[in-house]
Amino acid sequence: YCSITPRDLNVLLITLDALRPDHLGCYGYKRNISPNIDKLAREGILFTQAISQASWTCSSMYSLITSTYPSTNGVYYWDQLLPDSIPTLAQILKKRSYCVGFISGHGGLSGINLFKRGFDTIDDIFNARANLVTSKAMEWIDKNKNKRFFLSLHYMDTHDRLLGLPEEKHF
């Protein structure tokens, strides 16, 4: 139960590419490898029934930001466009006077039309590590702290670890 009305809430959406929930303490993992995420989960809202609608970033992000299945929004590949008739979460919140931002370590998300719809600011840095994405997020939040805001953060460190790139410790 939350006693705060939705109009009073700032929204921080954090997505981590290729991260399995069964490797996070907030979902029962015994090793202490995610203390920062676990703290956010304790202090915020933790969803226990979140299921990705696709197995890869493009379709998953479109589904998440539109609350639609790929079969509904029609986006399966990077070169496909989201129909104008399907609103994004950013557009909906923007209409409700939210300041809306997106910060990512992906480097390829800002070029797709999903992130051009409704966001006031987009900072999508190729191969940026978690510490840089987080630093930019803290700057963005500090700049917008007196406004209602929605900030979407997308981290790539867990994905890059799968590719054998150096990993960032302690998410």
N, C-alpha and C. Protein backbone atom coordinates (compact mmCIF):
# COMPACT_ATOMS: atom_id res chain seq x y z
N TYR A 1 0.84 -1.19 0.00
CA TYR A 1 0.00 0.00 0.00
C TYR A 1 0.87 1.23 0.00
N CYS A 2 0.56 2.16 -0.85
CA CYS A 2 1.32 3.41 -0.97
C CYS A 2 0.39 4.58 -0.68
N SER A 3 0.74 5.40 0.30
CA SER A 3 -0.12 6.51 0.68
C SER A 3 0.13 7.77 -0.15
N ILE A 4 1.09 7.75 -1.03
CA ILE A 4 1.38 8.89 -1.87
C ILE A 4 0.54 8.79 -3.13
N THR A 5 -0.08 9.89 -3.53
CA THR A 5 -0.86 9.86 -4.76
C THR A 5 0.09 9.84 -5.95
N PRO A 6 -0.31 9.23 -7.05
CA PRO A 6 0.56 9.15 -8.22
C PRO A 6 1.04 10.52 -8.71
N ARG A 7 0.27 11.57 -8.49
CA ARG A 7 0.68 12.89 -8.93
C ARG A 7 1.89 13.41 -8.18
N ASP A 8 2.17 12.85 -7.02
CA ASP A 8 3.29 13.31 -6.22
C ASP A 8 4.59 12.55 -6.50
N LEU A 9 4.51 11.55 -7.33
CA LEU A 9 5.67 10.67 -7.52
C LEU A 9 6.57 11.10 -8.66
N ASN A 10 7.87 11.00 -8.41
CA ASN A 10 8.84 11.01 -9.49
C ASN A 10 9.05 9.55 -9.86
N VAL A 11 9.34 9.31 -11.11
CA VAL A 11 9.50 7.93 -11.58
C VAL A 11 10.90 7.75 -12.12
N LEU A 12 11.57 6.72 -11.61
CA LEU A 12 12.90 6.34 -12.07
C LEU A 12 12.78 4.90 -12.58
N LEU A 13 12.94 4.73 -13.89
CA LEU A 13 12.88 3.41 -14.50
C LEU A 13 14.30 2.98 -14.84
N ILE A 14 14.73 1.89 -14.23
CA ILE A 14 16.09 1.39 -14.45
C ILE A 14 16.01 0.05 -15.18
N THR A 15 16.64 -0.01 -16.33
CA THR A 15 16.73 -1.27 -17.07
C THR A 15 18.20 -1.64 -17.20
N LEU A 16 18.48 -2.92 -17.04
CA LEU A 16 19.84 -3.44 -17.16
C LEU A 16 19.82 -4.53 -18.21
N ASP A 17 20.52 -4.30 -19.29
CA ASP A 17 20.54 -5.24 -20.39
C ASP A 17 21.14 -6.57 -19.95
N ALA A 18 20.43 -7.66 -20.20
CA ALA A 18 20.92 -9.03 -19.97
C ALA A 18 21.16 -9.36 -18.50
N LEU A 19 20.41 -8.77 -17.60
CA LEU A 19 20.55 -9.09 -16.17
C LEU A 19 19.45 -10.06 -15.75
N ARG A 20 19.84 -11.12 -15.10
CA ARG A 20 18.88 -12.11 -14.59
C ARG A 20 18.48 -11.74 -13.17
N PRO A 21 17.18 -11.67 -12.89
CA PRO A 21 16.74 -11.31 -11.54
C PRO A 21 17.18 -12.31 -10.48
N ASP A 22 17.37 -13.57 -10.85
CA ASP A 22 17.78 -14.56 -9.85
C ASP A 22 19.23 -14.38 -9.41
N HIS A 23 19.90 -13.33 -9.92
CA HIS A 23 21.25 -12.98 -9.47
C HIS A 23 21.27 -11.65 -8.71
N LEU A 24 20.11 -11.25 -8.19
CA LEU A 24 19.99 -10.03 -7.39
C LEU A 24 19.51 -10.38 -5.99
N GLY A 25 20.11 -9.75 -4.99
CA GLY A 25 19.72 -10.01 -3.60
C GLY A 25 18.25 -9.72 -3.34
N CYS A 26 17.70 -8.69 -3.95
CA CYS A 26 16.29 -8.33 -3.71
C CYS A 26 15.33 -9.41 -4.22
N TYR A 27 15.83 -10.32 -5.05
CA TYR A 27 15.02 -11.45 -5.51
C TYR A 27 15.51 -12.77 -4.93
N GLY A 28 16.33 -12.70 -3.87
CA GLY A 28 16.70 -13.91 -3.15
C GLY A 28 18.10 -14.45 -3.38
N TYR A 29 18.89 -13.84 -4.24
CA TYR A 29 20.25 -14.33 -4.47
C TYR A 29 21.06 -14.14 -3.19
N LYS A 30 21.81 -15.16 -2.79
CA LYS A 30 22.51 -15.16 -1.50
C LYS A 30 23.81 -14.35 -1.49
N ARG A 31 24.51 -14.29 -2.61
CA ARG A 31 25.76 -13.52 -2.65
C ARG A 31 25.46 -12.02 -2.71
N ASN A 32 26.24 -11.24 -2.02
CA ASN A 32 26.02 -9.79 -1.95
C ASN A 32 26.71 -9.09 -3.12
N ILE A 33 26.12 -9.22 -4.31
CA ILE A 33 26.73 -8.59 -5.49
C ILE A 33 25.92 -7.41 -6.01
N SER A 34 24.77 -7.14 -5.41
CA SER A 34 23.91 -6.05 -5.90
C SER A 34 23.42 -5.15 -4.76
N PRO A 35 24.31 -4.66 -3.91
CA PRO A 35 23.84 -3.89 -2.75
C PRO A 35 23.09 -2.61 -3.11
N ASN A 36 23.47 -1.94 -4.17
CA ASN A 36 22.80 -0.70 -4.54
C ASN A 36 21.40 -0.96 -5.09
N ILE A 37 21.26 -1.97 -5.94
CA ILE A 37 19.95 -2.33 -6.45
C ILE A 37 19.06 -2.83 -5.31
N ASP A 38 19.62 -3.61 -4.41
CA ASP A 38 18.85 -4.13 -3.27
C ASP A 38 18.33 -2.99 -2.40
N LYS A 39 19.15 -1.97 -2.20
CA LYS A 39 18.73 -0.81 -1.41
C LYS A 39 17.59 -0.07 -2.11
N LEU A 40 17.72 0.14 -3.42
CA LEU A 40 16.64 0.78 -4.18
C LEU A 40 15.35 -0.04 -4.07
N ALA A 41 15.47 -1.34 -4.13
CA ALA A 41 14.29 -2.22 -4.04
C ALA A 41 13.63 -2.10 -2.67
N ARG A 42 14.43 -1.98 -1.61
CA ARG A 42 13.87 -1.83 -0.26
C ARG A 42 13.17 -0.48 -0.08
N GLU A 43 13.73 0.55 -0.69
CA GLU A 43 13.21 1.90 -0.48
C GLU A 43 12.16 2.31 -1.51
N GLY A 44 12.05 1.58 -2.59
CA GLY A 44 11.10 1.93 -3.65
C GLY A 44 10.06 0.86 -3.83
N ILE A 45 9.67 0.65 -5.05
CA ILE A 45 8.67 -0.37 -5.38
C ILE A 45 9.38 -1.47 -6.16
N LEU A 46 9.25 -2.70 -5.70
CA LEU A 46 9.87 -3.85 -6.34
C LEU A 46 8.78 -4.67 -7.02
N PHE A 47 8.91 -4.86 -8.30
CA PHE A 47 7.94 -5.66 -9.04
C PHE A 47 8.41 -7.11 -9.06
N THR A 48 7.52 -8.01 -8.71
CA THR A 48 7.88 -9.42 -8.67
C THR A 48 7.32 -10.21 -9.85
N GLN A 49 6.51 -9.59 -10.68
CA GLN A 49 5.92 -10.28 -11.81
C GLN A 49 6.24 -9.58 -13.13
N ALA A 50 7.40 -8.97 -13.23
CA ALA A 50 7.82 -8.31 -14.46
C ALA A 50 8.39 -9.35 -15.42
N ILE A 51 7.84 -9.41 -16.60
CA ILE A 51 8.27 -10.40 -17.59
C ILE A 51 8.57 -9.68 -18.90
N SER A 52 9.76 -9.87 -19.43
CA SER A 52 10.13 -9.26 -20.69
C SER A 52 9.28 -9.85 -21.81
N GLN A 53 8.89 -9.00 -22.74
CA GLN A 53 8.05 -9.44 -23.85
C GLN A 53 8.87 -9.91 -25.05
N ALA A 54 10.18 -9.81 -24.95
CA ALA A 54 11.05 -10.26 -26.03
C ALA A 54 12.41 -10.62 -25.44
N SER A 55 13.19 -11.32 -26.21
CA SER A 55 14.48 -11.78 -25.71
C SER A 55 15.64 -10.85 -26.08
N TRP A 56 15.33 -9.71 -26.69
CA TRP A 56 16.41 -8.80 -27.02
C TRP A 56 15.97 -7.36 -26.85
N THR A 57 16.95 -6.45 -26.81
CA THR A 57 16.75 -5.07 -26.39
C THR A 57 15.70 -4.33 -27.20
N CYS A 58 15.76 -4.35 -28.49
CA CYS A 58 14.86 -3.54 -29.31
C CYS A 58 13.40 -3.81 -28.98
N SER A 59 12.95 -5.02 -29.20
CA SER A 59 11.54 -5.34 -28.94
C SER A 59 11.17 -5.19 -27.47
N SER A 60 12.08 -5.53 -26.58
CA SER A 60 11.81 -5.41 -25.15
C SER A 60 11.57 -3.96 -24.74
N MET A 61 12.42 -3.05 -25.20
CA MET A 61 12.28 -1.64 -24.83
C MET A 61 11.01 -1.04 -25.41
N TYR A 62 10.70 -1.36 -26.66
CA TYR A 62 9.45 -0.86 -27.25
C TYR A 62 8.25 -1.36 -26.45
N SER A 63 8.26 -2.62 -26.08
CA SER A 63 7.15 -3.17 -25.30
C SER A 63 7.05 -2.51 -23.93
N LEU A 64 8.17 -2.32 -23.28
CA LEU A 64 8.19 -1.72 -21.95
C LEU A 64 7.67 -0.28 -21.98
N ILE A 65 8.12 0.52 -22.91
CA ILE A 65 7.78 1.94 -22.95
C ILE A 65 6.39 2.19 -23.53
N THR A 66 5.81 1.19 -24.21
CA THR A 66 4.45 1.37 -24.76
C THR A 66 3.42 0.50 -24.07
N SER A 67 3.87 -0.42 -23.22
CA SER A 67 2.97 -1.37 -22.57
C SER A 67 2.17 -2.18 -23.59
N THR A 68 2.85 -2.56 -24.66
CA THR A 68 2.23 -3.38 -25.70
C THR A 68 3.16 -4.53 -26.06
N TYR A 69 2.58 -5.57 -26.60
CA TYR A 69 3.36 -6.70 -27.10
C TYR A 69 3.98 -6.33 -28.45
N PRO A 70 5.08 -6.97 -28.84
CA PRO A 70 5.62 -6.73 -30.18
C PRO A 70 4.59 -7.00 -31.28
N SER A 71 3.73 -7.97 -31.07
CA SER A 71 2.70 -8.26 -32.08
C SER A 71 1.69 -7.12 -32.20
N THR A 72 1.57 -6.30 -31.17
CA THR A 72 0.67 -5.14 -31.21
C THR A 72 1.37 -3.91 -31.75
N ASN A 73 2.60 -3.64 -31.27
CA ASN A 73 3.29 -2.42 -31.71
C ASN A 73 4.03 -2.62 -33.04
N GLY A 74 4.21 -3.86 -33.47
CA GLY A 74 4.79 -4.14 -34.78
C GLY A 74 6.29 -3.95 -34.88
N VAL A 75 6.98 -3.80 -33.74
CA VAL A 75 8.42 -3.56 -33.79
C VAL A 75 9.17 -4.81 -33.31
N TYR A 76 9.89 -5.40 -34.24
CA TYR A 76 10.71 -6.56 -33.94
C TYR A 76 12.19 -6.28 -34.20
N TYR A 77 12.46 -5.32 -35.10
CA TYR A 77 13.83 -5.03 -35.53
C TYR A 77 14.11 -3.53 -35.44
N TRP A 78 15.39 -3.18 -35.42
CA TRP A 78 15.81 -1.78 -35.25
C TRP A 78 15.26 -0.85 -36.31
N ASP A 79 15.08 -1.33 -37.53
CA ASP A 79 14.67 -0.43 -38.62
C ASP A 79 13.15 -0.25 -38.71
N GLN A 80 12.39 -0.87 -37.82
CA GLN A 80 10.95 -0.71 -37.84
C GLN A 80 10.54 0.47 -36.95
N LEU A 81 9.47 1.15 -37.35
CA LEU A 81 9.01 2.33 -36.63
C LEU A 81 7.75 2.04 -35.83
N LEU A 82 7.66 2.65 -34.68
CA LEU A 82 6.47 2.56 -33.85
C LEU A 82 5.38 3.42 -34.48
N PRO A 83 4.19 2.86 -34.69
CA PRO A 83 3.10 3.66 -35.26
C PRO A 83 2.77 4.85 -34.36
N ASP A 84 2.45 5.98 -34.97
CA ASP A 84 2.09 7.20 -34.23
C ASP A 84 0.88 6.98 -33.33
N SER A 85 0.05 6.02 -33.66
CA SER A 85 -1.17 5.76 -32.88
C SER A 85 -0.89 5.13 -31.52
N ILE A 86 0.33 4.64 -31.31
CA ILE A 86 0.69 4.02 -30.03
C ILE A 86 1.52 5.01 -29.22
N PRO A 87 0.97 5.52 -28.11
CA PRO A 87 1.72 6.48 -27.30
C PRO A 87 2.80 5.79 -26.47
N THR A 88 3.84 6.55 -26.14
CA THR A 88 4.88 6.04 -25.26
C THR A 88 4.64 6.56 -23.85
N LEU A 89 5.23 5.91 -22.87
CA LEU A 89 5.13 6.36 -21.49
C LEU A 89 5.65 7.80 -21.37
N ALA A 90 6.72 8.11 -22.07
CA ALA A 90 7.28 9.47 -22.04
C ALA A 90 6.27 10.48 -22.53
N GLN A 91 5.56 10.18 -23.61
CA GLN A 91 4.55 11.10 -24.14
C GLN A 91 3.40 11.30 -23.15
N ILE A 92 2.97 10.21 -22.53
CA ILE A 92 1.87 10.29 -21.57
C ILE A 92 2.26 11.15 -20.38
N LEU A 93 3.46 10.92 -19.84
CA LEU A 93 3.91 11.71 -18.68
C LEU A 93 4.21 13.16 -19.06
N LYS A 94 4.72 13.38 -20.25
CA LYS A 94 4.98 14.74 -20.72
C LYS A 94 3.68 15.55 -20.75
N LYS A 95 2.60 14.93 -21.20
CA LYS A 95 1.29 15.60 -21.22
C LYS A 95 0.80 15.94 -19.81
N ARG A 96 1.33 15.23 -18.82
CA ARG A 96 0.96 15.48 -17.43
C ARG A 96 2.01 16.35 -16.72
N SER A 97 2.75 17.10 -17.51
CA SER A 97 3.72 18.09 -17.03
C SER A 97 4.95 17.51 -16.34
N TYR A 98 5.31 16.29 -16.68
CA TYR A 98 6.55 15.72 -16.17
C TYR A 98 7.72 16.18 -17.04
N CYS A 99 8.86 16.36 -16.43
CA CYS A 99 10.12 16.53 -17.13
C CYS A 99 10.60 15.10 -17.42
N VAL A 100 10.95 14.81 -18.67
CA VAL A 100 11.19 13.43 -19.07
C VAL A 100 12.59 13.28 -19.68
N GLY A 101 13.39 12.37 -19.10
CA GLY A 101 14.75 12.16 -19.59
C GLY A 101 15.11 10.70 -19.77
N PHE A 102 16.11 10.47 -20.60
CA PHE A 102 16.62 9.13 -20.87
C PHE A 102 18.15 9.19 -20.90
N ILE A 103 18.78 8.34 -20.11
CA ILE A 103 20.24 8.25 -20.07
C ILE A 103 20.61 6.78 -20.23
N SER A 104 21.54 6.51 -21.13
CA SER A 104 21.85 5.12 -21.47
C SER A 104 23.33 4.92 -21.76
N GLY A 105 23.79 3.71 -21.49
CA GLY A 105 25.14 3.30 -21.86
C GLY A 105 25.15 2.44 -23.11
N HIS A 106 24.04 2.37 -23.82
CA HIS A 106 23.91 1.54 -25.01
C HIS A 106 24.60 2.17 -26.21
N GLY A 107 24.25 3.40 -26.51
CA GLY A 107 24.84 4.11 -27.64
C GLY A 107 24.08 3.98 -28.94
N GLY A 108 23.09 3.09 -28.98
CA GLY A 108 22.33 2.92 -30.22
C GLY A 108 20.84 3.15 -30.04
N LEU A 109 20.41 3.43 -28.83
CA LEU A 109 18.97 3.58 -28.58
C LEU A 109 18.44 4.95 -28.97
N SER A 110 19.26 5.98 -28.90
CA SER A 110 18.77 7.33 -29.18
C SER A 110 18.39 7.52 -30.65
N GLY A 111 18.89 6.67 -31.52
CA GLY A 111 18.58 6.80 -32.94
C GLY A 111 17.25 6.21 -33.35
N ILE A 112 16.61 5.45 -32.47
CA ILE A 112 15.33 4.84 -32.83
C ILE A 112 14.19 5.77 -32.43
N ASN A 113 13.09 5.69 -33.17
CA ASN A 113 12.04 6.67 -32.96
C ASN A 113 11.35 6.57 -31.60
N LEU A 114 11.49 5.48 -30.91
CA LEU A 114 10.89 5.33 -29.58
C LEU A 114 11.39 6.42 -28.64
N PHE A 115 12.68 6.69 -28.67
CA PHE A 115 13.27 7.63 -27.73
C PHE A 115 13.26 9.07 -28.26
N LYS A 116 12.68 9.27 -29.41
CA LYS A 116 12.50 10.63 -29.92
C LYS A 116 11.10 11.14 -29.61
N ARG A 117 10.28 10.31 -28.99
CA ARG A 117 8.88 10.65 -28.75
C ARG A 117 8.63 10.89 -27.26
N GLY A 118 8.60 12.17 -26.89
CA GLY A 118 8.21 12.54 -25.54
C GLY A 118 9.34 12.90 -24.61
N PHE A 119 10.55 12.51 -24.92
CA PHE A 119 11.67 12.79 -24.02
C PHE A 119 12.18 14.21 -24.22
N ASP A 120 12.40 14.93 -23.12
CA ASP A 120 12.98 16.27 -23.17
C ASP A 120 14.48 16.17 -23.43
N THR A 121 15.12 15.22 -22.78
CA THR A 121 16.57 15.05 -22.94
C THR A 121 16.89 13.57 -23.16
N ILE A 122 17.88 13.36 -24.03
CA ILE A 122 18.36 12.01 -24.31
C ILE A 122 19.88 12.06 -24.27
N ASP A 123 20.46 11.19 -23.47
CA ASP A 123 21.91 11.08 -23.37
C ASP A 123 22.26 9.60 -23.50
N ASP A 124 22.59 9.18 -24.70
CA ASP A 124 22.83 7.77 -25.01
C ASP A 124 24.29 7.62 -25.43
N ILE A 125 25.14 7.16 -24.51
CA ILE A 125 26.58 7.14 -24.70
C ILE A 125 27.04 5.72 -25.03
N PHE A 126 27.68 5.56 -26.17
CA PHE A 126 28.14 4.24 -26.58
C PHE A 126 29.12 3.66 -25.57
N ASN A 127 28.84 2.45 -25.11
CA ASN A 127 29.71 1.68 -24.23
C ASN A 127 30.03 2.39 -22.91
N ALA A 128 29.11 3.23 -22.43
CA ALA A 128 29.32 3.92 -21.16
C ALA A 128 29.11 2.94 -20.01
N ARG A 129 30.00 2.98 -19.05
CA ARG A 129 29.92 2.13 -17.87
C ARG A 129 28.92 2.69 -16.87
N ALA A 130 28.53 1.86 -15.93
CA ALA A 130 27.51 2.21 -14.94
C ALA A 130 27.86 3.48 -14.18
N ASN A 131 29.12 3.66 -13.82
CA ASN A 131 29.48 4.85 -13.04
C ASN A 131 29.22 6.13 -13.83
N LEU A 132 29.43 6.14 -15.14
CA LEU A 132 29.17 7.33 -15.95
C LEU A 132 27.66 7.55 -16.11
N VAL A 133 26.91 6.50 -16.39
CA VAL A 133 25.45 6.63 -16.52
C VAL A 133 24.87 7.14 -15.21
N THR A 134 25.31 6.59 -14.10
CA THR A 134 24.82 7.01 -12.79
C THR A 134 25.20 8.45 -12.49
N SER A 135 26.41 8.84 -12.80
CA SER A 135 26.86 10.22 -12.59
C SER A 135 26.00 11.19 -13.39
N LYS A 136 25.75 10.88 -14.65
CA LYS A 136 24.89 11.73 -15.48
C LYS A 136 23.47 11.76 -14.94
N ALA A 137 22.99 10.63 -14.42
CA ALA A 137 21.65 10.58 -13.83
C ALA A 137 21.56 11.47 -12.60
N MET A 138 22.58 11.43 -11.76
CA MET A 138 22.58 12.27 -10.56
C MET A 138 22.59 13.76 -10.93
N GLU A 139 23.34 14.12 -11.95
CA GLU A 139 23.35 15.51 -12.43
C GLU A 139 21.96 15.90 -12.94
N TRP A 140 21.33 15.00 -13.72
CA TRP A 140 20.01 15.26 -14.29
C TRP A 140 18.98 15.42 -13.17
N ILE A 141 19.03 14.53 -12.19
CA ILE A 141 18.08 14.61 -11.08
C ILE A 141 18.29 15.90 -10.29
N ASP A 142 19.54 16.26 -10.04
CA ASP A 142 19.82 17.50 -9.31
C ASP A 142 19.27 18.70 -10.07
N LYS A 143 19.42 18.72 -11.37
CA LYS A 143 18.93 19.82 -12.20
C LYS A 143 17.40 19.88 -12.22
N ASN A 144 16.74 18.72 -12.10
CA ASN A 144 15.28 18.65 -12.22
C ASN A 144 14.57 18.30 -10.91
N LYS A 145 15.26 18.41 -9.79
CA LYS A 145 14.72 17.96 -8.51
C LYS A 145 13.49 18.74 -8.05
N ASN A 146 13.29 19.92 -8.55
CA ASN A 146 12.13 20.71 -8.15
C ASN A 146 10.95 20.57 -9.10
N LYS A 147 11.06 19.61 -10.01
CA LYS A 147 10.00 19.32 -10.97
C LYS A 147 9.54 17.87 -10.77
N ARG A 148 8.35 17.59 -11.24
CA ARG A 148 7.97 16.18 -11.33
C ARG A 148 8.73 15.60 -12.51
N PHE A 149 9.32 14.41 -12.31
CA PHE A 149 10.12 13.88 -13.41
C PHE A 149 9.96 12.38 -13.59
N PHE A 150 10.26 11.98 -14.82
CA PHE A 150 10.40 10.58 -15.20
C PHE A 150 11.78 10.47 -15.84
N LEU A 151 12.63 9.63 -15.25
CA LEU A 151 13.96 9.41 -15.80
C LEU A 151 14.13 7.92 -16.06
N SER A 152 14.46 7.59 -17.28
CA SER A 152 14.72 6.21 -17.67
C SER A 152 16.22 6.04 -17.84
N LEU A 153 16.77 5.05 -17.13
CA LEU A 153 18.20 4.73 -17.21
C LEU A 153 18.36 3.34 -17.80
N HIS A 154 19.29 3.20 -18.73
CA HIS A 154 19.54 1.90 -19.33
C HIS A 154 21.04 1.58 -19.22
N TYR A 155 21.34 0.53 -18.47
CA TYR A 155 22.73 0.12 -18.24
C TYR A 155 23.09 -1.07 -19.13
N MET A 156 24.34 -1.11 -19.57
CA MET A 156 24.81 -2.17 -20.47
C MET A 156 25.88 -3.06 -19.85
N ASP A 157 26.34 -2.77 -18.65
CA ASP A 157 27.47 -3.50 -18.08
C ASP A 157 27.24 -5.01 -18.01
N THR A 158 26.05 -5.42 -17.64
CA THR A 158 25.77 -6.85 -17.54
C THR A 158 25.78 -7.50 -18.92
N HIS A 159 25.34 -6.80 -19.93
CA HIS A 159 25.36 -7.30 -21.31
C HIS A 159 26.80 -7.42 -21.78
N ASP A 160 27.60 -6.38 -21.51
CA ASP A 160 28.99 -6.37 -21.95
C ASP A 160 29.79 -7.49 -21.30
N ARG A 161 29.43 -7.84 -20.07
CA ARG A 161 30.12 -8.94 -19.39
C ARG A 161 29.93 -10.24 -20.17
N LEU A 162 28.75 -10.41 -20.75
CA LEU A 162 28.49 -11.60 -21.57
C LEU A 162 29.40 -11.63 -22.79
N LEU A 163 29.79 -10.44 -23.26
CA LEU A 163 30.66 -10.35 -24.44
C LEU A 163 32.14 -10.42 -24.09
N GLY A 164 32.44 -10.54 -22.78
CA GLY A 164 33.82 -10.64 -22.35
C GLY A 164 34.50 -9.31 -22.12
N LEU A 165 33.73 -8.21 -22.11
CA LEU A 165 34.30 -6.89 -21.85
C LEU A 165 34.48 -6.71 -20.34
N PRO A 166 35.35 -5.80 -19.91
CA PRO A 166 35.55 -5.60 -18.48
C PRO A 166 34.24 -5.23 -17.79
N GLU A 167 34.01 -5.78 -16.61
CA GLU A 167 32.75 -5.56 -15.92
C GLU A 167 32.89 -4.49 -14.83
N GLU A 168 31.78 -3.86 -14.52
CA GLU A 168 31.68 -2.90 -13.44
C GLU A 168 31.24 -3.68 -12.20
N LYS A 169 31.81 -3.40 -11.07
CA LYS A 169 31.47 -4.13 -9.85
C LYS A 169 30.34 -3.43 -9.10
N HIS A 170 29.57 -4.18 -8.40
CA HIS A 170 28.55 -3.74 -7.45
C HIS A 170 27.53 -2.75 -8.03
N PHE A 171 26.52 -3.31 -8.62
CA PHE A 171 25.40 -2.52 -9.14
C PHE A 171 24.50 -2.10 -8.01
